[in-house]
Amino acid sequence: MMGENLECGIRYKFAPVQRDTRPRRYAEMSRLIHWCQAFDAEGMAPMLGGASAGNLSFRTPSGYVITATRTVLKGDLSWENLVEVVRSNWLDFEVHYLGANPPSSDAFLHERIYVERPDVNAVFHGHDDAVLAAADALAREFDIALTTDEMLFGTKPDADVTAKELRSKSYIIRKGHGFLAACPTMDQAGELSLRIHRRAVELSETKAAP
C-alpha cells in the first residue's frame, strides 16, 4: 500500500531543530510505553524497514511527547527514547524538540490535531491491514471518519486534510495508510484502537470462512 511502502524508505519531511538531547520526564510516559508495546503485540504497528509503522503521543503543558522517528515499539523502550515537541512552525515546516532523535514523521499531524481539538490529549496512529480491508463496514458500525483520498504521509496536506476530516470524531481510517485514534486520554485512545482492530479481525475471519 502506498503509505506502507513509502514509510520504509522516507522519514520526516520537516526541518528538525534539537533543543536538548534528553526529553523532560513525565509520569505519563510509562503509560505511553505500555500502549506502544500493546500496539506491537496486537499487530497494529507492524515492523517495516527495520522500525515500527506507527506513532503515539500525549499532550504536555509545553507541547506533546511522541515516539521518535524509526522507533521500535516492542522490547525495552524507555522514556529516554521518547521525544517532546516544544514548538512547531507550520509556515517553515520546522519542529523544535527535546530528545536524542527527531520526532515521528507524522509529528505535524499530531500537532494539527492538538491545535484544533482542545478535548484531545492523546493521538495514537497505527497500521492495520484488517482495518483497511473492513473500512466501509467499520464506518457503518462505529462512529468513525474515513479520509476520501490517499495522501503522502508526513506532509502538510496530509496533516491538514486528516485533521479536518477527523472533525469531532475520535477515530479515522486513513485511506491506503492506517488508522488514528484521538481521545481525551491514552487509555481511551488505546482501548478504542484495540476494539476496532479486534472487530476488523472478526470481520476478516467471517469473510474468509467457507
N, C-alpha and C. Protein backbone atom coordinates (compact mmCIF):
# COMPACT_ATOMS: atom_id res chain seq x y z
N MET A 1 0.85 -1.19 0.00
CA MET A 1 0.00 0.00 0.00
C MET A 1 0.88 1.24 0.00
N MET A 2 0.37 2.33 -0.48
CA MET A 2 1.21 3.49 -0.70
C MET A 2 1.94 3.93 0.55
N GLY A 3 1.21 4.16 1.65
CA GLY A 3 1.82 4.67 2.86
C GLY A 3 2.87 3.72 3.42
N GLU A 4 2.58 2.41 3.40
CA GLU A 4 3.49 1.44 3.98
C GLU A 4 4.79 1.37 3.18
N ASN A 5 4.70 1.34 1.86
CA ASN A 5 5.89 1.24 1.04
C ASN A 5 6.79 2.45 1.22
N LEU A 6 6.20 3.62 1.24
CA LEU A 6 6.99 4.83 1.36
C LEU A 6 7.60 4.96 2.75
N GLU A 7 6.89 4.51 3.77
CA GLU A 7 7.38 4.71 5.12
C GLU A 7 8.65 3.93 5.40
N CYS A 8 8.90 2.88 4.62
CA CYS A 8 10.13 2.11 4.81
C CYS A 8 11.37 2.94 4.45
N GLY A 9 11.27 3.81 3.46
CA GLY A 9 12.45 4.50 2.98
C GLY A 9 12.48 6.00 3.20
N ILE A 10 11.34 6.61 3.44
CA ILE A 10 11.29 8.06 3.61
C ILE A 10 10.94 8.38 5.04
N ARG A 11 11.71 9.25 5.68
CA ARG A 11 11.45 9.56 7.08
C ARG A 11 10.76 10.91 7.18
N TYR A 12 11.14 11.72 8.15
CA TYR A 12 10.47 13.00 8.34
C TYR A 12 10.76 13.95 7.19
N LYS A 13 9.78 14.80 6.90
CA LYS A 13 9.91 15.77 5.82
C LYS A 13 10.04 17.19 6.34
N PHE A 14 9.91 17.35 7.65
CA PHE A 14 10.04 18.67 8.27
C PHE A 14 11.51 18.95 8.61
N ALA A 15 11.81 20.18 9.02
CA ALA A 15 13.16 20.54 9.46
C ALA A 15 13.24 20.37 10.98
N PRO A 16 14.02 19.41 11.49
CA PRO A 16 14.11 19.20 12.93
C PRO A 16 15.13 20.12 13.58
N VAL A 17 14.76 20.69 14.73
CA VAL A 17 15.67 21.56 15.50
C VAL A 17 15.76 20.97 16.90
N GLN A 18 16.91 20.41 17.23
CA GLN A 18 17.09 19.78 18.54
C GLN A 18 17.44 20.82 19.59
N ARG A 19 16.61 20.92 20.63
CA ARG A 19 16.85 21.86 21.73
C ARG A 19 17.65 21.21 22.87
N ASP A 20 17.51 19.91 23.03
CA ASP A 20 18.22 19.17 24.07
C ASP A 20 18.26 17.70 23.66
N THR A 21 19.24 16.96 24.16
CA THR A 21 19.38 15.56 23.79
C THR A 21 18.48 14.65 24.62
N ARG A 22 17.88 15.16 25.68
CA ARG A 22 17.00 14.35 26.52
C ARG A 22 15.65 15.05 26.67
N PRO A 23 14.57 14.28 26.65
CA PRO A 23 13.26 14.87 26.87
C PRO A 23 13.02 15.12 28.35
N ARG A 24 12.05 15.94 28.67
CA ARG A 24 11.60 16.04 30.06
C ARG A 24 10.96 14.71 30.43
N ARG A 25 11.02 14.37 31.71
CA ARG A 25 10.41 13.11 32.14
C ARG A 25 9.04 13.38 32.75
N TYR A 26 8.02 12.68 32.24
CA TYR A 26 6.65 12.80 32.73
C TYR A 26 6.19 11.43 33.22
N ALA A 27 5.36 11.44 34.27
CA ALA A 27 4.82 10.18 34.79
C ALA A 27 4.03 9.44 33.72
N GLU A 28 3.38 10.18 32.82
CA GLU A 28 2.54 9.57 31.78
C GLU A 28 3.34 8.78 30.74
N MET A 29 4.66 8.97 30.72
CA MET A 29 5.47 8.26 29.73
C MET A 29 5.36 6.74 29.88
N SER A 30 5.23 6.25 31.10
CA SER A 30 5.13 4.81 31.30
C SER A 30 3.86 4.26 30.66
N ARG A 31 2.78 5.06 30.69
CA ARG A 31 1.54 4.61 30.07
C ARG A 31 1.66 4.62 28.55
N LEU A 32 2.35 5.61 28.01
CA LEU A 32 2.57 5.65 26.57
C LEU A 32 3.37 4.42 26.12
N ILE A 33 4.41 4.07 26.89
CA ILE A 33 5.21 2.90 26.56
C ILE A 33 4.36 1.63 26.63
N HIS A 34 3.47 1.55 27.63
CA HIS A 34 2.56 0.41 27.71
C HIS A 34 1.77 0.26 26.42
N TRP A 35 1.23 1.36 25.90
CA TRP A 35 0.40 1.27 24.69
C TRP A 35 1.26 1.04 23.44
N CYS A 36 2.50 1.54 23.45
CA CYS A 36 3.40 1.21 22.34
C CYS A 36 3.60 -0.29 22.25
N GLN A 37 3.84 -0.93 23.39
CA GLN A 37 4.05 -2.37 23.42
C GLN A 37 2.77 -3.13 23.07
N ALA A 38 1.62 -2.60 23.50
CA ALA A 38 0.34 -3.24 23.15
C ALA A 38 0.09 -3.17 21.65
N PHE A 39 0.40 -2.03 21.03
CA PHE A 39 0.24 -1.89 19.58
C PHE A 39 1.12 -2.92 18.86
N ASP A 40 2.35 -3.10 19.35
CA ASP A 40 3.23 -4.08 18.73
C ASP A 40 2.68 -5.49 18.91
N ALA A 41 2.25 -5.82 20.12
CA ALA A 41 1.77 -7.17 20.41
C ALA A 41 0.52 -7.53 19.61
N GLU A 42 -0.33 -6.54 19.36
CA GLU A 42 -1.59 -6.78 18.64
C GLU A 42 -1.43 -6.68 17.13
N GLY A 43 -0.22 -6.34 16.66
CA GLY A 43 0.00 -6.22 15.23
C GLY A 43 -0.54 -4.94 14.63
N MET A 44 -0.72 -3.91 15.47
CA MET A 44 -1.25 -2.64 14.97
C MET A 44 -0.14 -1.64 14.61
N ALA A 45 1.11 -2.07 14.80
CA ALA A 45 2.26 -1.26 14.38
C ALA A 45 3.34 -2.22 13.88
N PRO A 46 3.09 -2.88 12.74
CA PRO A 46 4.00 -3.91 12.25
C PRO A 46 5.38 -3.36 11.89
N MET A 47 6.38 -4.23 11.96
CA MET A 47 7.73 -3.85 11.59
C MET A 47 7.82 -3.69 10.08
N LEU A 48 8.31 -2.53 9.65
CA LEU A 48 8.50 -2.26 8.22
C LEU A 48 9.84 -1.54 8.06
N GLY A 49 10.73 -2.11 7.28
CA GLY A 49 12.02 -1.47 7.05
C GLY A 49 12.84 -1.27 8.29
N GLY A 50 12.68 -2.14 9.28
CA GLY A 50 13.50 -2.06 10.49
C GLY A 50 12.94 -1.22 11.61
N ALA A 51 11.71 -0.71 11.46
CA ALA A 51 11.09 0.10 12.51
C ALA A 51 9.60 -0.18 12.54
N SER A 52 8.96 0.22 13.63
CA SER A 52 7.51 0.01 13.76
C SER A 52 6.75 1.06 12.98
N ALA A 53 5.73 0.61 12.25
CA ALA A 53 4.90 1.53 11.47
C ALA A 53 3.77 2.04 12.35
N GLY A 54 4.04 3.11 13.06
CA GLY A 54 3.05 3.71 13.94
C GLY A 54 3.70 4.77 14.81
N ASN A 55 2.91 5.63 15.40
CA ASN A 55 3.43 6.66 16.29
C ASN A 55 2.35 7.05 17.28
N LEU A 56 2.75 7.22 18.53
CA LEU A 56 1.81 7.51 19.61
C LEU A 56 2.28 8.74 20.37
N SER A 57 1.33 9.53 20.87
CA SER A 57 1.71 10.74 21.60
C SER A 57 0.69 11.09 22.67
N PHE A 58 1.12 11.96 23.62
CA PHE A 58 0.19 12.56 24.57
C PHE A 58 0.56 14.03 24.76
N ARG A 59 -0.43 14.82 25.09
CA ARG A 59 -0.24 16.26 25.25
C ARG A 59 0.49 16.58 26.55
N THR A 60 1.35 17.61 26.53
CA THR A 60 2.03 18.10 27.72
C THR A 60 1.79 19.61 27.83
N PRO A 61 2.12 20.23 28.97
CA PRO A 61 1.95 21.68 29.10
C PRO A 61 2.76 22.47 28.06
N SER A 62 3.85 21.89 27.57
CA SER A 62 4.72 22.60 26.62
C SER A 62 4.53 22.17 25.18
N GLY A 63 3.76 21.13 24.95
CA GLY A 63 3.58 20.62 23.59
C GLY A 63 3.02 19.22 23.64
N TYR A 64 3.83 18.24 23.22
CA TYR A 64 3.40 16.85 23.30
C TYR A 64 4.61 15.93 23.24
N VAL A 65 4.49 14.79 23.92
CA VAL A 65 5.51 13.73 23.88
C VAL A 65 5.07 12.73 22.82
N ILE A 66 6.01 12.33 21.96
CA ILE A 66 5.70 11.43 20.86
C ILE A 66 6.85 10.45 20.65
N THR A 67 6.56 9.32 20.06
CA THR A 67 7.63 8.39 19.70
C THR A 67 8.53 9.01 18.65
N ALA A 68 9.81 8.66 18.71
CA ALA A 68 10.78 9.21 17.77
C ALA A 68 10.65 8.55 16.40
N THR A 69 11.21 9.19 15.40
CA THR A 69 11.24 8.58 14.08
C THR A 69 11.99 7.27 14.13
N ARG A 70 11.48 6.27 13.39
CA ARG A 70 12.10 4.95 13.28
C ARG A 70 12.16 4.21 14.61
N THR A 71 11.16 4.41 15.45
CA THR A 71 11.10 3.73 16.74
C THR A 71 10.65 2.28 16.58
N VAL A 72 11.23 1.39 17.38
CA VAL A 72 10.75 0.02 17.51
C VAL A 72 9.93 -0.03 18.79
N LEU A 73 8.64 -0.30 18.67
CA LEU A 73 7.74 -0.14 19.80
C LEU A 73 7.80 -1.27 20.82
N LYS A 74 8.34 -2.41 20.44
CA LYS A 74 8.40 -3.52 21.39
C LYS A 74 9.70 -3.48 22.17
N GLY A 75 9.84 -4.42 23.11
CA GLY A 75 11.11 -4.58 23.80
C GLY A 75 11.33 -3.58 24.92
N ASP A 76 12.56 -3.09 25.04
CA ASP A 76 12.96 -2.28 26.18
C ASP A 76 12.87 -0.78 25.92
N LEU A 77 11.81 -0.35 25.27
CA LEU A 77 11.58 1.08 25.03
C LEU A 77 11.52 1.80 26.38
N SER A 78 12.23 2.90 26.52
CA SER A 78 12.24 3.66 27.77
C SER A 78 11.86 5.11 27.51
N TRP A 79 11.66 5.85 28.61
CA TRP A 79 11.25 7.25 28.48
C TRP A 79 12.29 8.07 27.73
N GLU A 80 13.57 7.67 27.82
CA GLU A 80 14.63 8.41 27.14
C GLU A 80 14.57 8.25 25.62
N ASN A 81 13.83 7.24 25.14
CA ASN A 81 13.67 7.04 23.70
C ASN A 81 12.57 7.92 23.12
N LEU A 82 11.77 8.56 23.99
CA LEU A 82 10.67 9.40 23.54
C LEU A 82 11.16 10.81 23.27
N VAL A 83 10.31 11.62 22.66
CA VAL A 83 10.67 12.97 22.24
C VAL A 83 9.56 13.93 22.68
N GLU A 84 9.93 15.10 23.17
CA GLU A 84 8.91 16.12 23.43
C GLU A 84 9.03 17.23 22.39
N VAL A 85 7.97 17.44 21.65
CA VAL A 85 7.92 18.56 20.70
C VAL A 85 7.48 19.80 21.48
N VAL A 86 8.29 20.84 21.46
CA VAL A 86 8.00 22.03 22.25
C VAL A 86 7.65 23.25 21.39
N ARG A 87 7.86 23.14 20.10
CA ARG A 87 7.49 24.24 19.20
C ARG A 87 7.39 23.70 17.79
N SER A 88 6.35 24.13 17.08
CA SER A 88 6.18 23.75 15.68
C SER A 88 5.90 24.99 14.85
N ASN A 89 6.62 25.15 13.78
CA ASN A 89 6.44 26.29 12.88
C ASN A 89 5.80 25.77 11.60
N TRP A 90 4.50 25.99 11.46
CA TRP A 90 3.77 25.46 10.31
C TRP A 90 4.25 26.10 9.00
N LEU A 91 4.55 27.40 9.03
CA LEU A 91 4.96 28.10 7.82
C LEU A 91 6.26 27.54 7.26
N ASP A 92 7.26 27.33 8.13
CA ASP A 92 8.56 26.82 7.70
C ASP A 92 8.67 25.30 7.81
N PHE A 93 7.60 24.65 8.30
CA PHE A 93 7.57 23.21 8.49
C PHE A 93 8.78 22.77 9.33
N GLU A 94 8.90 23.41 10.50
CA GLU A 94 10.04 23.23 11.38
C GLU A 94 9.55 22.76 12.74
N VAL A 95 10.25 21.77 13.32
CA VAL A 95 9.87 21.21 14.61
C VAL A 95 11.04 21.34 15.59
N HIS A 96 10.77 21.94 16.75
CA HIS A 96 11.76 22.04 17.82
C HIS A 96 11.44 20.96 18.85
N TYR A 97 12.44 20.18 19.24
CA TYR A 97 12.17 19.03 20.09
C TYR A 97 13.27 18.81 21.12
N LEU A 98 12.91 18.07 22.16
CA LEU A 98 13.84 17.62 23.20
C LEU A 98 13.94 16.10 23.09
N GLY A 99 15.14 15.58 22.85
CA GLY A 99 15.30 14.15 22.72
C GLY A 99 16.50 13.78 21.87
N ALA A 100 16.84 12.50 21.90
CA ALA A 100 18.03 12.04 21.19
C ALA A 100 17.83 12.02 19.68
N ASN A 101 16.59 11.76 19.25
CA ASN A 101 16.29 11.66 17.82
C ASN A 101 15.09 12.52 17.46
N PRO A 102 14.94 12.89 16.19
CA PRO A 102 13.79 13.69 15.78
C PRO A 102 12.48 12.94 16.02
N PRO A 103 11.39 13.67 16.16
CA PRO A 103 10.09 13.01 16.36
C PRO A 103 9.62 12.28 15.12
N SER A 104 8.57 11.49 15.29
CA SER A 104 7.99 10.72 14.19
C SER A 104 7.68 11.59 12.98
N SER A 105 7.70 10.97 11.82
CA SER A 105 7.40 11.67 10.57
C SER A 105 6.00 12.26 10.56
N ASP A 106 5.10 11.71 11.40
CA ASP A 106 3.73 12.22 11.48
C ASP A 106 3.56 13.29 12.56
N ALA A 107 4.66 13.86 13.06
CA ALA A 107 4.57 14.81 14.16
C ALA A 107 3.63 15.97 13.87
N PHE A 108 3.66 16.49 12.64
CA PHE A 108 2.80 17.64 12.33
C PHE A 108 1.33 17.26 12.29
N LEU A 109 1.01 16.02 12.01
CA LEU A 109 -0.38 15.59 12.08
C LEU A 109 -0.85 15.60 13.53
N HIS A 110 -0.03 15.09 14.44
CA HIS A 110 -0.36 15.15 15.86
C HIS A 110 -0.52 16.61 16.30
N GLU A 111 0.41 17.44 15.87
CA GLU A 111 0.36 18.87 16.20
C GLU A 111 -0.94 19.49 15.75
N ARG A 112 -1.34 19.20 14.52
CA ARG A 112 -2.54 19.80 13.95
C ARG A 112 -3.78 19.40 14.75
N ILE A 113 -3.83 18.15 15.14
CA ILE A 113 -4.99 17.68 15.91
C ILE A 113 -5.02 18.33 17.29
N TYR A 114 -3.86 18.43 17.95
CA TYR A 114 -3.83 19.06 19.28
C TYR A 114 -4.24 20.53 19.21
N VAL A 115 -3.86 21.21 18.15
CA VAL A 115 -4.24 22.62 17.99
C VAL A 115 -5.74 22.77 17.77
N GLU A 116 -6.30 21.92 16.91
CA GLU A 116 -7.70 22.06 16.53
C GLU A 116 -8.66 21.40 17.51
N ARG A 117 -8.16 20.48 18.34
CA ARG A 117 -9.03 19.71 19.24
C ARG A 117 -8.54 19.83 20.69
N PRO A 118 -8.94 20.87 21.42
CA PRO A 118 -8.52 21.01 22.82
C PRO A 118 -9.01 19.88 23.71
N ASP A 119 -10.00 19.11 23.24
CA ASP A 119 -10.51 17.97 24.02
C ASP A 119 -9.63 16.74 23.90
N VAL A 120 -8.69 16.75 22.96
CA VAL A 120 -7.84 15.59 22.71
C VAL A 120 -6.51 15.73 23.46
N ASN A 121 -6.16 14.68 24.21
CA ASN A 121 -4.89 14.66 24.93
C ASN A 121 -4.01 13.48 24.56
N ALA A 122 -4.50 12.65 23.64
CA ALA A 122 -3.70 11.51 23.17
C ALA A 122 -4.04 11.23 21.72
N VAL A 123 -3.01 11.01 20.91
CA VAL A 123 -3.18 10.67 19.49
C VAL A 123 -2.35 9.42 19.21
N PHE A 124 -3.03 8.35 18.80
CA PHE A 124 -2.37 7.08 18.52
C PHE A 124 -2.60 6.72 17.05
N HIS A 125 -1.52 6.49 16.32
CA HIS A 125 -1.62 6.11 14.90
C HIS A 125 -0.97 4.76 14.69
N GLY A 126 -1.67 3.88 13.97
CA GLY A 126 -1.12 2.58 13.66
C GLY A 126 -1.44 2.16 12.25
N HIS A 127 -0.92 1.01 11.86
CA HIS A 127 -1.15 0.43 10.54
C HIS A 127 -1.82 -0.92 10.75
N ASP A 128 -2.89 -1.18 10.05
CA ASP A 128 -3.69 -2.37 10.33
C ASP A 128 -4.39 -2.80 9.05
N ASP A 129 -3.90 -3.84 8.41
CA ASP A 129 -4.49 -4.30 7.15
C ASP A 129 -5.95 -4.71 7.32
N ALA A 130 -6.27 -5.32 8.48
CA ALA A 130 -7.65 -5.75 8.72
C ALA A 130 -8.59 -4.56 8.78
N VAL A 131 -8.16 -3.48 9.41
CA VAL A 131 -8.97 -2.26 9.49
C VAL A 131 -9.16 -1.65 8.11
N LEU A 132 -8.09 -1.59 7.34
CA LEU A 132 -8.20 -1.01 5.99
C LEU A 132 -9.15 -1.83 5.12
N ALA A 133 -9.07 -3.14 5.24
CA ALA A 133 -9.91 -4.01 4.41
C ALA A 133 -11.38 -3.90 4.78
N ALA A 134 -11.66 -3.62 6.05
CA ALA A 134 -13.05 -3.55 6.52
C ALA A 134 -13.52 -2.12 6.75
N ALA A 135 -12.86 -1.16 6.13
CA ALA A 135 -13.12 0.25 6.42
C ALA A 135 -14.59 0.63 6.29
N ASP A 136 -15.25 0.24 5.21
CA ASP A 136 -16.64 0.63 5.00
C ASP A 136 -17.56 0.01 6.05
N ALA A 137 -17.34 -1.27 6.35
CA ALA A 137 -18.17 -1.95 7.34
C ALA A 137 -17.96 -1.34 8.73
N LEU A 138 -16.71 -1.02 9.06
CA LEU A 138 -16.42 -0.41 10.36
C LEU A 138 -17.04 0.97 10.48
N ALA A 139 -17.03 1.71 9.37
CA ALA A 139 -17.63 3.05 9.38
C ALA A 139 -19.13 2.98 9.63
N ARG A 140 -19.76 1.93 9.15
CA ARG A 140 -21.20 1.76 9.38
C ARG A 140 -21.48 1.36 10.82
N GLU A 141 -20.57 0.60 11.41
CA GLU A 141 -20.80 0.06 12.75
C GLU A 141 -20.37 1.01 13.86
N PHE A 142 -19.29 1.75 13.62
CA PHE A 142 -18.75 2.67 14.62
C PHE A 142 -18.89 4.11 14.13
N ASP A 143 -18.85 5.04 15.05
CA ASP A 143 -18.93 6.46 14.70
C ASP A 143 -17.53 6.96 14.37
N ILE A 144 -17.04 6.60 13.18
CA ILE A 144 -15.67 6.95 12.80
C ILE A 144 -15.66 7.68 11.47
N ALA A 145 -14.52 8.29 11.18
CA ALA A 145 -14.36 9.04 9.94
C ALA A 145 -13.46 8.26 8.97
N LEU A 146 -13.58 8.57 7.69
CA LEU A 146 -12.74 7.98 6.65
C LEU A 146 -12.17 9.10 5.79
N THR A 147 -10.87 9.06 5.51
CA THR A 147 -10.33 10.03 4.56
C THR A 147 -10.78 9.62 3.16
N THR A 148 -11.00 10.59 2.31
CA THR A 148 -11.52 10.28 0.97
C THR A 148 -10.41 10.01 -0.04
N ASP A 149 -9.21 10.52 0.22
CA ASP A 149 -8.11 10.35 -0.73
C ASP A 149 -6.88 9.75 -0.04
N GLU A 150 -6.10 9.04 -0.81
CA GLU A 150 -4.83 8.51 -0.33
C GLU A 150 -3.78 9.61 -0.45
N MET A 151 -3.07 9.88 0.66
CA MET A 151 -2.14 11.00 0.68
C MET A 151 -0.77 10.57 1.16
N LEU A 152 0.26 11.32 0.76
CA LEU A 152 1.61 11.04 1.19
C LEU A 152 1.76 11.43 2.66
N PHE A 153 2.13 10.47 3.50
CA PHE A 153 2.24 10.73 4.94
C PHE A 153 3.34 11.73 5.24
N GLY A 154 3.20 12.40 6.37
CA GLY A 154 4.24 13.31 6.84
C GLY A 154 4.29 14.66 6.15
N THR A 155 3.33 14.95 5.28
CA THR A 155 3.33 16.21 4.55
C THR A 155 2.30 17.18 5.15
N LYS A 156 2.42 18.45 4.79
CA LYS A 156 1.44 19.44 5.25
C LYS A 156 0.02 19.09 4.80
N PRO A 157 -0.18 18.74 3.51
CA PRO A 157 -1.55 18.40 3.09
C PRO A 157 -2.13 17.22 3.87
N ASP A 158 -1.30 16.22 4.15
CA ASP A 158 -1.78 15.06 4.89
C ASP A 158 -2.21 15.46 6.29
N ALA A 159 -1.39 16.26 6.97
CA ALA A 159 -1.73 16.71 8.33
C ALA A 159 -2.99 17.56 8.31
N ASP A 160 -3.08 18.47 7.38
CA ASP A 160 -4.21 19.40 7.32
C ASP A 160 -5.51 18.67 6.99
N VAL A 161 -5.49 17.86 5.94
CA VAL A 161 -6.71 17.18 5.48
C VAL A 161 -7.17 16.14 6.50
N THR A 162 -6.24 15.36 7.04
CA THR A 162 -6.63 14.32 8.00
C THR A 162 -7.26 14.94 9.24
N ALA A 163 -6.66 16.01 9.76
CA ALA A 163 -7.21 16.67 10.94
C ALA A 163 -8.60 17.24 10.66
N LYS A 164 -8.79 17.79 9.46
CA LYS A 164 -10.09 18.36 9.11
C LYS A 164 -11.14 17.27 8.92
N GLU A 165 -10.76 16.16 8.29
CA GLU A 165 -11.73 15.09 8.06
C GLU A 165 -12.04 14.31 9.33
N LEU A 166 -11.15 14.35 10.30
CA LEU A 166 -11.43 13.75 11.61
C LEU A 166 -12.59 14.49 12.28
N ARG A 167 -12.65 15.81 12.08
CA ARG A 167 -13.68 16.66 12.68
C ARG A 167 -13.76 16.43 14.19
N SER A 168 -14.93 16.15 14.73
CA SER A 168 -15.08 15.97 16.18
C SER A 168 -15.06 14.50 16.58
N LYS A 169 -14.74 13.62 15.63
CA LYS A 169 -14.75 12.19 15.93
C LYS A 169 -13.48 11.75 16.65
N SER A 170 -13.49 10.52 17.14
CA SER A 170 -12.37 10.00 17.92
C SER A 170 -11.50 9.02 17.16
N TYR A 171 -11.88 8.72 15.92
CA TYR A 171 -11.14 7.70 15.17
C TYR A 171 -11.32 7.96 13.69
N ILE A 172 -10.22 7.79 12.94
CA ILE A 172 -10.29 7.97 11.49
C ILE A 172 -9.43 6.90 10.81
N ILE A 173 -9.95 6.37 9.72
CA ILE A 173 -9.18 5.45 8.89
C ILE A 173 -8.58 6.25 7.74
N ARG A 174 -7.26 6.22 7.63
CA ARG A 174 -6.55 6.97 6.59
C ARG A 174 -6.41 6.06 5.37
N LYS A 175 -7.11 6.38 4.32
CA LYS A 175 -7.20 5.53 3.14
C LYS A 175 -5.82 5.10 2.64
N GLY A 176 -5.65 3.79 2.46
CA GLY A 176 -4.41 3.25 1.94
C GLY A 176 -3.23 3.37 2.88
N HIS A 177 -3.48 3.76 4.14
CA HIS A 177 -2.35 4.02 5.03
C HIS A 177 -2.51 3.36 6.39
N GLY A 178 -3.49 3.75 7.16
CA GLY A 178 -3.65 3.21 8.51
C GLY A 178 -4.81 3.85 9.23
N PHE A 179 -4.72 3.91 10.55
CA PHE A 179 -5.80 4.49 11.36
C PHE A 179 -5.21 5.45 12.39
N LEU A 180 -6.07 6.25 12.97
CA LEU A 180 -5.64 7.19 14.01
C LEU A 180 -6.77 7.36 15.02
N ALA A 181 -6.44 7.25 16.31
CA ALA A 181 -7.39 7.49 17.39
C ALA A 181 -6.98 8.76 18.11
N ALA A 182 -7.94 9.64 18.37
CA ALA A 182 -7.68 10.90 19.05
C ALA A 182 -8.69 11.04 20.18
N CYS A 183 -8.22 10.95 21.43
CA CYS A 183 -9.12 10.85 22.57
C CYS A 183 -8.65 11.71 23.74
N PRO A 184 -9.52 11.89 24.74
CA PRO A 184 -9.13 12.67 25.92
C PRO A 184 -8.01 12.03 26.74
N THR A 185 -7.88 10.69 26.72
CA THR A 185 -6.83 10.02 27.49
C THR A 185 -6.16 8.95 26.64
N MET A 186 -4.97 8.55 27.08
CA MET A 186 -4.25 7.49 26.36
C MET A 186 -5.00 6.17 26.44
N ASP A 187 -5.56 5.85 27.60
CA ASP A 187 -6.29 4.59 27.72
C ASP A 187 -7.49 4.56 26.79
N GLN A 188 -8.18 5.67 26.63
CA GLN A 188 -9.32 5.71 25.72
C GLN A 188 -8.86 5.51 24.28
N ALA A 189 -7.75 6.16 23.91
CA ALA A 189 -7.23 6.00 22.54
C ALA A 189 -6.78 4.57 22.29
N GLY A 190 -6.11 3.97 23.28
CA GLY A 190 -5.64 2.61 23.11
C GLY A 190 -6.76 1.60 23.08
N GLU A 191 -7.73 1.76 23.98
CA GLU A 191 -8.84 0.81 24.04
C GLU A 191 -9.73 0.91 22.80
N LEU A 192 -9.94 2.12 22.29
CA LEU A 192 -10.72 2.28 21.06
C LEU A 192 -9.99 1.62 19.89
N SER A 193 -8.70 1.83 19.80
CA SER A 193 -7.91 1.21 18.73
C SER A 193 -8.00 -0.31 18.80
N LEU A 194 -7.90 -0.86 19.99
CA LEU A 194 -7.99 -2.31 20.18
C LEU A 194 -9.37 -2.84 19.79
N ARG A 195 -10.41 -2.13 20.23
CA ARG A 195 -11.78 -2.59 19.96
C ARG A 195 -12.05 -2.65 18.47
N ILE A 196 -11.64 -1.62 17.74
CA ILE A 196 -11.89 -1.60 16.31
C ILE A 196 -10.99 -2.60 15.59
N HIS A 197 -9.75 -2.74 16.03
CA HIS A 197 -8.85 -3.74 15.44
C HIS A 197 -9.43 -5.15 15.58
N ARG A 198 -9.86 -5.47 16.78
CA ARG A 198 -10.39 -6.83 17.01
C ARG A 198 -11.68 -7.08 16.25
N ARG A 199 -12.48 -6.05 16.10
CA ARG A 199 -13.70 -6.21 15.30
C ARG A 199 -13.34 -6.41 13.83
N ALA A 200 -12.33 -5.70 13.36
CA ALA A 200 -11.89 -5.85 11.97
C ALA A 200 -11.37 -7.26 11.72
N VAL A 201 -10.64 -7.82 12.69
CA VAL A 201 -10.15 -9.18 12.56
C VAL A 201 -11.32 -10.17 12.50
N GLU A 202 -12.34 -9.95 13.35
CA GLU A 202 -13.53 -10.80 13.32
C GLU A 202 -14.20 -10.76 11.94
N LEU A 203 -14.32 -9.57 11.38
CA LEU A 203 -14.95 -9.43 10.07
C LEU A 203 -14.13 -10.14 8.99
N SER A 204 -12.82 -10.05 9.08
CA SER A 204 -11.98 -10.72 8.08
C SER A 204 -12.07 -12.22 8.20
N GLU A 205 -12.17 -12.73 9.43
CA GLU A 205 -12.29 -14.18 9.63
C GLU A 205 -13.65 -14.69 9.14
N THR A 206 -14.69 -13.89 9.38
CA THR A 206 -16.02 -14.27 8.90
C THR A 206 -16.05 -14.31 7.38
N LYS A 207 -15.41 -13.34 6.77
CA LYS A 207 -15.39 -13.27 5.30
C LYS A 207 -14.60 -14.44 4.72
N ALA A 208 -13.55 -14.86 5.43
CA ALA A 208 -12.70 -15.94 4.92
C ALA A 208 -13.28 -17.32 5.16
N ALA A 209 -14.25 -17.41 6.10
CA ALA A 209 -14.80 -18.73 6.43
C ALA A 209 -15.58 -19.28 5.24
N PRO A 210 -15.49 -20.62 5.00
CA PRO A 210 -16.21 -21.23 3.86
C PRO A 210 -17.71 -21.23 4.09
